Amino acid sequence: MSDLAVPPVLPQSVPSAPAATARMRETAEAFEASFLAQMLKPMFEGLSTEAPFGGGEAEGTWRGFMIEAMAKQTVKAGGIGLADQVVAQMLKMQEQAQ
């Protein structure tokens, strides 16, 4: 046997179930926030940034960040249930793979 032979059983670093589920949840919530941001974006496209109530050029520049923050806050407050569905599908796919 040469020094480069692969051992029959390689140690695998499989994350524990709660840690893996937590990462799935985090990913699903990020996906839901991204989806919501894309849905919110058209609501703000036609709004004027002129005075007296607009924020001028800076508002137009930073509007995308505001929309992202609104989407993340919506998800944090419970969202629309998309993250729950994504996690359920991820778990189902993982079970089928095993």
PDB file of N, CA and C in Angstrom:
ATOM      1  N   MET A   1       0.827  -1.164   0.000  1.00  0.00           N
ATOM      2  CA  MET A   1       0.000   0.000   0.000  1.00  0.00           C
ATOM      3  C   MET A   1       0.881   1.241   0.000  1.00  0.00           C
ATOM      4  N   SER A   2       0.571   2.188  -0.860  1.00  0.00           N
ATOM      5  CA  SER A   2       1.399   3.388  -0.944  1.00  0.00           C
ATOM      6  C   SER A   2       0.960   4.414   0.095  1.00  0.00           C
ATOM      7  N   ASP A   3       1.786   5.420   0.272  1.00  0.00           N
ATOM      8  CA  ASP A   3       1.477   6.470   1.249  1.00  0.00           C
ATOM      9  C   ASP A   3       0.290   7.320   0.798  1.00  0.00           C
ATOM     10  N   LEU A   4      -0.025   7.298  -0.490  1.00  0.00           N
ATOM     11  CA  LEU A   4      -1.098   8.138  -1.012  1.00  0.00           C
ATOM     12  C   LEU A   4      -2.447   7.426  -1.047  1.00  0.00           C
ATOM     13  N   ALA A   5      -2.510   6.247  -0.513  1.00  0.00           N
ATOM     14  CA  ALA A   5      -3.773   5.506  -0.535  1.00  0.00           C
ATOM     15  C   ALA A   5      -4.810   6.195   0.343  1.00  0.00           C
ATOM     16  N   VAL A   6      -6.032   6.148  -0.114  1.00  0.00           N
ATOM     17  CA  VAL A   6      -7.133   6.757   0.618  1.00  0.00           C
ATOM     18  C   VAL A   6      -7.656   5.748   1.633  1.00  0.00           C
ATOM     19  N   PRO A   7      -7.793   6.155   2.868  1.00  0.00           N
ATOM     20  CA  PRO A   7      -8.324   5.226   3.858  1.00  0.00           C
ATOM     21  C   PRO A   7      -9.757   4.837   3.481  1.00  0.00           C
ATOM     22  N   PRO A   8     -10.191   3.630   3.858  1.00  0.00           N
ATOM     23  CA  PRO A   8     -11.515   3.167   3.462  1.00  0.00           C
ATOM     24  C   PRO A   8     -12.654   4.034   3.978  1.00  0.00           C
ATOM     25  N   VAL A   9     -12.519   4.597   5.137  1.00  0.00           N
ATOM     26  CA  VAL A   9     -13.566   5.451   5.696  1.00  0.00           C
ATOM     27  C   VAL A   9     -12.958   6.805   6.003  1.00  0.00           C
ATOM     28  N   LEU A  10     -13.413   7.813   5.295  1.00  0.00           N
ATOM     29  CA  LEU A  10     -12.922   9.161   5.539  1.00  0.00           C
ATOM     30  C   LEU A  10     -13.771   9.813   6.623  1.00  0.00           C
ATOM     31  N   PRO A  11     -13.144  10.482   7.551  1.00  0.00           N
ATOM     32  CA  PRO A  11     -13.943  11.191   8.548  1.00  0.00           C
ATOM     33  C   PRO A  11     -14.678  12.348   7.874  1.00  0.00           C
ATOM     34  N   GLN A  12     -15.941  12.441   8.125  1.00  0.00           N
ATOM     35  CA  GLN A  12     -16.737  13.508   7.521  1.00  0.00           C
ATOM     36  C   GLN A  12     -17.186  14.467   8.611  1.00  0.00           C
ATOM     37  N   SER A  13     -17.112  15.719   8.284  1.00  0.00           N
ATOM     38  CA  SER A  13     -17.562  16.721   9.245  1.00  0.00           C
ATOM     39  C   SER A  13     -18.998  17.085   8.899  1.00  0.00           C
ATOM     40  N   VAL A  14     -19.914  16.281   9.385  1.00  0.00           N
ATOM     41  CA  VAL A  14     -21.330  16.522   9.156  1.00  0.00           C
ATOM     42  C   VAL A  14     -21.834  17.372  10.314  1.00  0.00           C
ATOM     43  N   PRO A  15     -22.435  18.534  10.007  1.00  0.00           N
ATOM     44  CA  PRO A  15     -22.919  19.368  11.094  1.00  0.00           C
ATOM     45  C   PRO A  15     -24.068  18.685  11.830  1.00  0.00           C
ATOM     46  N   SER A  16     -24.206  19.010  13.086  1.00  0.00           N
ATOM     47  CA  SER A  16     -25.297  18.425  13.865  1.00  0.00           C
ATOM     48  C   SER A  16     -26.633  18.896  13.291  1.00  0.00           C
ATOM     49  N   ALA A  17     -27.672  18.150  13.573  1.00  0.00           N
ATOM     50  CA  ALA A  17     -28.990  18.451  13.018  1.00  0.00           C
ATOM     51  C   ALA A  17     -29.480  19.852  13.379  1.00  0.00           C
ATOM     52  N   PRO A  18     -29.399  20.283  14.639  1.00  0.00           N
ATOM     53  CA  PRO A  18     -29.879  21.633  14.951  1.00  0.00           C
ATOM     54  C   PRO A  18     -29.070  22.723  14.241  1.00  0.00           C
ATOM     55  N   ALA A  19     -27.752  22.525  14.130  1.00  0.00           N
ATOM     56  CA  ALA A  19     -26.923  23.521  13.452  1.00  0.00           C
ATOM     57  C   ALA A  19     -27.249  23.571  11.966  1.00  0.00           C
ATOM     58  N   ALA A  20     -27.458  22.415  11.357  1.00  0.00           N
ATOM     59  CA  ALA A  20     -27.791  22.372   9.940  1.00  0.00           C
ATOM     60  C   ALA A  20     -29.158  22.999   9.687  1.00  0.00           C
ATOM     61  N   THR A  21     -30.110  22.729  10.560  1.00  0.00           N
ATOM     62  CA  THR A  21     -31.440  23.308  10.415  1.00  0.00           C
ATOM     63  C   THR A  21     -31.392  24.819  10.605  1.00  0.00           C
ATOM     64  N   ALA A  22     -30.567  25.275  11.529  1.00  0.00           N
ATOM     65  CA  ALA A  22     -30.426  26.714  11.753  1.00  0.00           C
ATOM     66  C   ALA A  22     -29.836  27.389  10.515  1.00  0.00           C
ATOM     67  N   ARG A  23     -28.855  26.748   9.887  1.00  0.00           N
ATOM     68  CA  ARG A  23     -28.273  27.309   8.664  1.00  0.00           C
ATOM     69  C   ARG A  23     -29.283  27.307   7.528  1.00  0.00           C
ATOM     70  N   MET A  24     -30.107  26.249   7.452  1.00  0.00           N
ATOM     71  CA  MET A  24     -31.156  26.204   6.436  1.00  0.00           C
ATOM     72  C   MET A  24     -32.151  27.337   6.654  1.00  0.00           C
ATOM     73  N   ARG A  25     -32.520  27.554   7.902  1.00  0.00           N
ATOM     74  CA  ARG A  25     -33.474  28.623   8.233  1.00  0.00           C
ATOM     75  C   ARG A  25     -32.894  29.980   7.852  1.00  0.00           C
ATOM     76  N   GLU A  26     -31.628  30.190   8.160  1.00  0.00           N
ATOM     77  CA  GLU A  26     -30.958  31.452   7.836  1.00  0.00           C
ATOM     78  C   GLU A  26     -30.947  31.684   6.322  1.00  0.00           C
ATOM     79  N   THR A  27     -30.631  30.638   5.575  1.00  0.00           N
ATOM     80  CA  THR A  27     -30.611  30.736   4.119  1.00  0.00           C
ATOM     81  C   THR A  27     -32.005  31.003   3.566  1.00  0.00           C
ATOM     82  N   ALA A  28     -33.001  30.322   4.116  1.00  0.00           N
ATOM     83  CA  ALA A  28     -34.379  30.499   3.658  1.00  0.00           C
ATOM     84  C   ALA A  28     -34.873  31.915   3.953  1.00  0.00           C
ATOM     85  N   GLU A  29     -34.502  32.460   5.106  1.00  0.00           N
ATOM     86  CA  GLU A  29     -34.910  33.823   5.441  1.00  0.00           C
ATOM     87  C   GLU A  29     -34.215  34.844   4.547  1.00  0.00           C
ATOM     88  N   ALA A  30     -32.962  34.596   4.207  1.00  0.00           N
ATOM     89  CA  ALA A  30     -32.256  35.489   3.277  1.00  0.00           C
ATOM     90  C   ALA A  30     -32.921  35.456   1.904  1.00  0.00           C
ATOM     91  N   PHE A  31     -33.354  34.268   1.483  1.00  0.00           N
ATOM     92  CA  PHE A  31     -34.058  34.135   0.209  1.00  0.00           C
ATOM     93  C   PHE A  31     -35.383  34.895   0.251  1.00  0.00           C
ATOM     94  N   GLU A  32     -36.128  34.748   1.347  1.00  0.00           N
ATOM     95  CA  GLU A  32     -37.404  35.449   1.470  1.00  0.00           C
ATOM     96  C   GLU A  32     -37.200  36.958   1.465  1.00  0.00           C
ATOM     97  N   ALA A  33     -36.171  37.446   2.142  1.00  0.00           N
ATOM     98  CA  ALA A  33     -35.880  38.880   2.153  1.00  0.00           C
ATOM     99  C   ALA A  33     -35.539  39.379   0.754  1.00  0.00           C
ATOM    100  N   SER A  34     -34.769  38.600   0.021  1.00  0.00           N
ATOM    101  CA  SER A  34     -34.425  38.974  -1.353  1.00  0.00           C
ATOM    102  C   SER A  34     -35.679  39.020  -2.228  1.00  0.00           C
ATOM    103  N   PHE A  35     -36.547  38.028  -2.067  1.00  0.00           N
ATOM    104  CA  PHE A  35     -37.804  37.985  -2.816  1.00  0.00           C
ATOM    105  C   PHE A  35     -38.665  39.197  -2.487  1.00  0.00           C
ATOM    106  N   LEU A  36     -38.813  39.505  -1.197  1.00  0.00           N
ATOM    107  CA  LEU A  36     -39.628  40.645  -0.801  1.00  0.00           C
ATOM    108  C   LEU A  36     -39.053  41.963  -1.312  1.00  0.00           C
ATOM    109  N   ALA A  37     -37.744  42.088  -1.303  1.00  0.00           N
ATOM    110  CA  ALA A  37     -37.116  43.309  -1.818  1.00  0.00           C
ATOM    111  C   ALA A  37     -37.450  43.497  -3.294  1.00  0.00           C
ATOM    112  N   GLN A  38     -37.425  42.409  -4.052  1.00  0.00           N
ATOM    113  CA  GLN A  38     -37.772  42.494  -5.474  1.00  0.00           C
ATOM    114  C   GLN A  38     -39.243  42.849  -5.665  1.00  0.00           C
ATOM    115  N   MET A  39     -40.097  42.398  -4.766  1.00  0.00           N
ATOM    116  CA  MET A  39     -41.522  42.715  -4.855  1.00  0.00           C
ATOM    117  C   MET A  39     -41.807  44.156  -4.426  1.00  0.00           C
ATOM    118  N   LEU A  40     -41.032  44.680  -3.480  1.00  0.00           N
ATOM    119  CA  LEU A  40     -41.226  46.045  -3.000  1.00  0.00           C
ATOM    120  C   LEU A  40     -40.655  47.092  -3.957  1.00  0.00           C
ATOM    121  N   LYS A  41     -39.648  46.711  -4.705  1.00  0.00           N
ATOM    122  CA  LYS A  41     -38.939  47.662  -5.568  1.00  0.00           C
ATOM    123  C   LYS A  41     -39.871  48.439  -6.501  1.00  0.00           C
ATOM    124  N   PRO A  42     -40.819  47.810  -7.203  1.00  0.00           N
ATOM    125  CA  PRO A  42     -41.687  48.575  -8.109  1.00  0.00           C
ATOM    126  C   PRO A  42     -42.575  49.602  -7.394  1.00  0.00           C
ATOM    127  N   MET A  43     -42.836  49.403  -6.122  1.00  0.00           N
ATOM    128  CA  MET A  43     -43.663  50.359  -5.375  1.00  0.00           C
ATOM    129  C   MET A  43     -42.995  51.727  -5.281  1.00  0.00           C
ATOM    130  N   PHE A  44     -41.687  51.758  -5.318  1.00  0.00           N
ATOM    131  CA  PHE A  44     -40.959  53.004  -5.106  1.00  0.00           C
ATOM    132  C   PHE A  44     -40.414  53.627  -6.394  1.00  0.00           C
ATOM    133  N   GLU A  45     -40.539  52.935  -7.520  1.00  0.00           N
ATOM    134  CA  GLU A  45     -39.946  53.431  -8.761  1.00  0.00           C
ATOM    135  C   GLU A  45     -40.548  54.750  -9.228  1.00  0.00           C
ATOM    136  N   GLY A  46     -41.837  54.933  -9.077  1.00  0.00           N
ATOM    137  CA  GLY A  46     -42.465  56.142  -9.586  1.00  0.00           C
ATOM    138  C   GLY A  46     -42.534  57.287  -8.605  1.00  0.00           C
ATOM    139  N   LEU A  47     -42.034  57.095  -7.389  1.00  0.00           N
ATOM    140  CA  LEU A  47     -42.122  58.148  -6.381  1.00  0.00           C
ATOM    141  C   LEU A  47     -41.098  59.239  -6.642  1.00  0.00           C
ATOM    142  N   SER A  48     -41.549  60.458  -6.501  1.00  0.00           N
ATOM    143  CA  SER A  48     -40.673  61.607  -6.695  1.00  0.00           C
ATOM    144  C   SER A  48     -39.805  61.830  -5.468  1.00  0.00           C
ATOM    145  N   THR A  49     -38.608  62.286  -5.675  1.00  0.00           N
ATOM    146  CA  THR A  49     -37.711  62.625  -4.565  1.00  0.00           C
ATOM    147  C   THR A  49     -37.582  64.138  -4.447  1.00  0.00           C
ATOM    148  N   GLU A  50     -38.527  64.870  -5.047  1.00  0.00           N
ATOM    149  CA  GLU A  50     -38.518  66.335  -5.000  1.00  0.00           C
ATOM    150  C   GLU A  50     -39.013  66.829  -3.640  1.00  0.00           C
ATOM    151  N   ALA A  51     -38.697  68.095  -3.333  1.00  0.00           N
ATOM    152  CA  ALA A  51     -39.171  68.739  -2.104  1.00  0.00           C
ATOM    153  C   ALA A  51     -40.672  68.957  -2.213  1.00  0.00           C
ATOM    154  N   PRO A  52     -41.423  69.148  -1.208  1.00  0.00           N
ATOM    155  CA  PRO A  52     -41.028  69.367   0.171  1.00  0.00           C
ATOM    156  C   PRO A  52     -40.901  68.078   0.983  1.00  0.00           C
ATOM    157  N   PHE A  53     -41.410  66.927   0.495  1.00  0.00           N
ATOM    158  CA  PHE A  53     -41.381  65.719   1.304  1.00  0.00           C
ATOM    159  C   PHE A  53     -40.330  64.707   0.866  1.00  0.00           C
ATOM    160  N   GLY A  54     -39.716  64.915  -0.254  1.00  0.00           N
ATOM    161  CA  GLY A  54     -38.722  63.975  -0.747  1.00  0.00           C
ATOM    162  C   GLY A  54     -37.358  64.239  -0.154  1.00  0.00           C
ATOM    163  N   GLY A  55     -36.473  63.289  -0.320  1.00  0.00           N
ATOM    164  CA  GLY A  55     -35.132  63.411   0.233  1.00  0.00           C
ATOM    165  C   GLY A  55     -34.104  63.841  -0.799  1.00  0.00           C
ATOM    166  N   GLY A  56     -34.570  64.224  -1.992  1.00  0.00           N
ATOM    167  CA  GLY A  56     -33.657  64.684  -3.016  1.00  0.00           C
ATOM    168  C   GLY A  56     -32.872  63.542  -3.647  1.00  0.00           C
ATOM    169  N   GLU A  57     -31.716  63.873  -4.162  1.00  0.00           N
ATOM    170  CA  GLU A  57     -30.871  62.901  -4.863  1.00  0.00           C
ATOM    171  C   GLU A  57     -30.396  61.778  -3.936  1.00  0.00           C
ATOM    172  N   ALA A  58     -30.160  62.113  -2.687  1.00  0.00           N
ATOM    173  CA  ALA A  58     -29.691  61.099  -1.739  1.00  0.00           C
ATOM    174  C   ALA A  58     -30.744  60.011  -1.539  1.00  0.00           C
ATOM    175  N   GLU A  59     -32.014  60.396  -1.524  1.00  0.00           N
ATOM    176  CA  GLU A  59     -33.068  59.396  -1.353  1.00  0.00           C
ATOM    177  C   GLU A  59     -33.058  58.416  -2.506  1.00  0.00           C
ATOM    178  N   GLY A  60     -32.909  58.924  -3.714  1.00  0.00           N
ATOM    179  CA  GLY A  60     -32.836  58.044  -4.878  1.00  0.00           C
ATOM    180  C   GLY A  60     -31.637  57.119  -4.807  1.00  0.00           C
ATOM    181  N   THR A  61     -30.529  57.634  -4.306  1.00  0.00           N
ATOM    182  CA  THR A  61     -29.300  56.849  -4.206  1.00  0.00           C
ATOM    183  C   THR A  61     -29.427  55.725  -3.189  1.00  0.00           C
ATOM    184  N   TRP A  62     -30.027  56.006  -2.045  1.00  0.00           N
ATOM    185  CA  TRP A  62     -30.088  55.054  -0.932  1.00  0.00           C
ATOM    186  C   TRP A  62     -31.389  54.266  -0.872  1.00  0.00           C
ATOM    187  N   ARG A  63     -32.276  54.482  -1.816  1.00  0.00           N
ATOM    188  CA  ARG A  63     -33.579  53.820  -1.792  1.00  0.00           C
ATOM    189  C   ARG A  63     -33.455  52.293  -1.795  1.00  0.00           C
ATOM    190  N   GLY A  64     -32.532  51.747  -2.559  1.00  0.00           N
ATOM    191  CA  GLY A  64     -32.335  50.296  -2.613  1.00  0.00           C
ATOM    192  C   GLY A  64     -31.989  49.709  -1.249  1.00  0.00           C
ATOM    193  N   PHE A  65     -31.168  50.431  -0.488  1.00  0.00           N
ATOM    194  CA  PHE A  65     -30.811  49.966   0.856  1.00  0.00           C
ATOM    195  C   PHE A  65     -32.017  50.013   1.786  1.00  0.00           C
ATOM    196  N   MET A  66     -32.859  51.047   1.619  1.00  0.00           N
ATOM    197  CA  MET A  66     -34.054  51.160   2.432  1.00  0.00           C
ATOM    198  C   MET A  66     -35.009  49.997   2.132  1.00  0.00           C
ATOM    199  N   ILE A  67     -35.142  49.668   0.863  1.00  0.00           N
ATOM    200  CA  ILE A  67     -36.018  48.566   0.467  1.00  0.00           C
ATOM    201  C   ILE A  67     -35.504  47.251   1.039  1.00  0.00           C
ATOM    202  N   GLU A  68     -34.201  47.023   0.972  1.00  0.00           N
ATOM    203  CA  GLU A  68     -33.614  45.809   1.560  1.00  0.00           C
ATOM    204  C   GLU A  68     -33.871  45.743   3.061  1.00  0.00           C
ATOM    205  N   ALA A  69     -33.709  46.875   3.746  1.00  0.00           N
ATOM    206  CA  ALA A  69     -33.937  46.908   5.188  1.00  0.00           C
ATOM    207  C   ALA A  69     -35.401  46.627   5.507  1.00  0.00           C
ATOM    208  N   MET A  70     -36.302  47.162   4.707  1.00  0.00           N
ATOM    209  CA  MET A  70     -37.727  46.905   4.921  1.00  0.00           C
ATOM    210  C   MET A  70     -38.029  45.418   4.725  1.00  0.00           C
ATOM    211  N   ALA A  71     -37.435  44.812   3.714  1.00  0.00           N
ATOM    212  CA  ALA A  71     -37.660  43.387   3.448  1.00  0.00           C
ATOM    213  C   ALA A  71     -37.111  42.530   4.585  1.00  0.00           C
ATOM    214  N   LYS A  72     -35.912  42.846   5.073  1.00  0.00           N
ATOM    215  CA  LYS A  72     -35.322  42.083   6.184  1.00  0.00           C
ATOM    216  C   LYS A  72     -36.153  42.230   7.453  1.00  0.00           C
ATOM    217  N   GLN A  73     -36.663  43.431   7.695  1.00  0.00           N
ATOM    218  CA  GLN A  73     -37.487  43.655   8.879  1.00  0.00           C
ATOM    219  C   GLN A  73     -38.808  42.909   8.759  1.00  0.00           C
ATOM    220  N   THR A  74     -39.353  42.837   7.562  1.00  0.00           N
ATOM    221  CA  THR A  74     -40.596  42.088   7.341  1.00  0.00           C
ATOM    222  C   THR A  74     -40.380  40.611   7.648  1.00  0.00           C
ATOM    223  N   VAL A  75     -39.259  40.067   7.192  1.00  0.00           N
ATOM    224  CA  VAL A  75     -38.940  38.656   7.466  1.00  0.00           C
ATOM    225  C   VAL A  75     -38.748  38.446   8.966  1.00  0.00           C
ATOM    226  N   LYS A  76     -38.052  39.376   9.611  1.00  0.00           N
ATOM    227  CA  LYS A  76     -37.806  39.274  11.048  1.00  0.00           C
ATOM    228  C   LYS A  76     -39.124  39.296  11.834  1.00  0.00           C
ATOM    229  N   ALA A  77     -40.109  40.018  11.323  1.00  0.00           N
ATOM    230  CA  ALA A  77     -41.411  40.129  11.993  1.00  0.00           C
ATOM    231  C   ALA A  77     -42.331  38.950  11.678  1.00  0.00           C
ATOM    232  N   GLY A  78     -41.871  38.011  10.876  1.00  0.00           N
ATOM    233  CA  GLY A  78     -42.684  36.836  10.569  1.00  0.00           C
ATOM    234  C   GLY A  78     -42.809  36.566   9.089  1.00  0.00           C
ATOM    235  N   GLY A  79     -42.563  37.569   8.286  1.00  0.00           N
ATOM    236  CA  GLY A  79     -42.554  37.382   6.836  1.00  0.00           C
ATOM    237  C   GLY A  79     -43.901  36.985   6.265  1.00  0.00           C
ATOM    238  N   ILE A  80     -43.835  36.369   5.105  1.00  0.00           N
ATOM    239  CA  ILE A  80     -45.045  35.943   4.405  1.00  0.00           C
ATOM    240  C   ILE A  80     -45.160  34.424   4.357  1.00  0.00           C
ATOM    241  N   GLY A  81     -44.270  33.739   5.057  1.00  0.00           N
ATOM    242  CA  GLY A  81     -44.320  32.284   5.114  1.00  0.00           C
ATOM    243  C   GLY A  81     -43.478  31.582   4.066  1.00  0.00           C
ATOM    244  N   LEU A  82     -42.794  32.341   3.243  1.00  0.00           N
ATOM    245  CA  LEU A  82     -41.971  31.733   2.198  1.00  0.00           C
ATOM    246  C   LEU A  82     -40.791  30.977   2.790  1.00  0.00           C
ATOM    247  N   ALA A  83     -40.168  31.531   3.818  1.00  0.00           N
ATOM    248  CA  ALA A  83     -39.009  30.869   4.437  1.00  0.00           C
ATOM    249  C   ALA A  83     -39.406  29.518   5.021  1.00  0.00           C
ATOM    250  N   ASP A  84     -40.600  29.437   5.602  1.00  0.00           N
ATOM    251  CA  ASP A  84     -41.067  28.165   6.156  1.00  0.00           C
ATOM    252  C   ASP A  84     -41.177  27.103   5.069  1.00  0.00           C
ATOM    253  N   GLN A  85     -41.719  27.487   3.932  1.00  0.00           N
ATOM    254  CA  GLN A  85     -41.879  26.555   2.821  1.00  0.00           C
ATOM    255  C   GLN A  85     -40.522  26.118   2.260  1.00  0.00           C
ATOM    256  N   VAL A  86     -39.592  27.069   2.182  1.00  0.00           N
ATOM    257  CA  VAL A  86     -38.258  26.756   1.658  1.00  0.00           C
ATOM    258  C   VAL A  86     -37.535  25.789   2.594  1.00  0.00           C
ATOM    259  N   VAL A  87     -37.614  26.021   3.902  1.00  0.00           N
ATOM    260  CA  VAL A  87     -36.975  25.120   4.867  1.00  0.00           C
ATOM    261  C   VAL A  87     -37.584  23.729   4.763  1.00  0.00           C
ATOM    262  N   ALA A  88     -38.901  23.655   4.650  1.00  0.00           N
ATOM    263  CA  ALA A  88     -39.561  22.347   4.542  1.00  0.00           C
ATOM    264  C   ALA A  88     -39.074  21.598   3.301  1.00  0.00           C
ATOM    265  N   GLN A  89     -38.933  22.300   2.190  1.00  0.00           N
ATOM    266  CA  GLN A  89     -38.454  21.658   0.965  1.00  0.00           C
ATOM    267  C   GLN A  89     -36.989  21.251   1.085  1.00  0.00           C
ATOM    268  N   MET A  90     -36.180  22.084   1.737  1.00  0.00           N
ATOM    269  CA  MET A  90     -34.765  21.742   1.931  1.00  0.00           C
ATOM    270  C   MET A  90     -34.629  20.485   2.792  1.00  0.00           C
ATOM    271  N   LEU A  91     -35.421  20.396   3.851  1.00  0.00           N
ATOM    272  CA  LEU A  91     -35.377  19.210   4.702  1.00  0.00           C
ATOM    273  C   LEU A  91     -35.844  17.968   3.949  1.00  0.00           C
ATOM    274  N   LYS A  92     -36.872  18.121   3.132  1.00  0.00           N
ATOM    275  CA  LYS A  92     -37.373  16.993   2.346  1.00  0.00           C
ATOM    276  C   LYS A  92     -36.310  16.520   1.352  1.00  0.00           C
ATOM    277  N   MET A  93     -35.634  17.465   0.707  1.00  0.00           N
ATOM    278  CA  MET A  93     -34.582  17.106  -0.242  1.00  0.00           C
ATOM    279  C   MET A  93     -33.416  16.412   0.464  1.00  0.00           C
ATOM    280  N   GLN A  94     -33.088  16.880   1.658  1.00  0.00           N
ATOM    281  CA  GLN A  94     -31.998  16.278   2.414  1.00  0.00           C
ATOM    282  C   GLN A  94     -32.366  14.845   2.822  1.00  0.00           C
ATOM    283  N   GLU A  95     -33.599  14.631   3.246  1.00  0.00           N
ATOM    284  CA  GLU A  95     -34.036  13.286   3.634  1.00  0.00           C
ATOM    285  C   GLU A  95     -34.011  12.341   2.448  1.00  0.00           C
ATOM    286  N   GLN A  96     -34.401  12.820   1.270  1.00  0.00           N
ATOM    287  CA  GLN A  96     -34.402  11.989   0.082  1.00  0.00           C
ATOM    288  C   GLN A  96     -32.988  11.632  -0.351  1.00  0.00           C
ATOM    289  N   ALA A  97     -32.049  12.516  -0.105  1.00  0.00           N
ATOM    290  CA  ALA A  97     -30.669  12.258  -0.492  1.00  0.00           C
ATOM    291  C   ALA A  97     -30.012  11.190   0.381  1.00  0.00           C
ATOM    292  N   GLN A  98     -30.532  11.005   1.574  1.00  0.00           N
ATOM    293  CA  GLN A  98     -29.902  10.051   2.511  1.00  0.00           C
ATOM    294  C   GLN A  98     -30.406   8.671   2.304  1.00  0.00           C
TER     295      GLN A  98
END
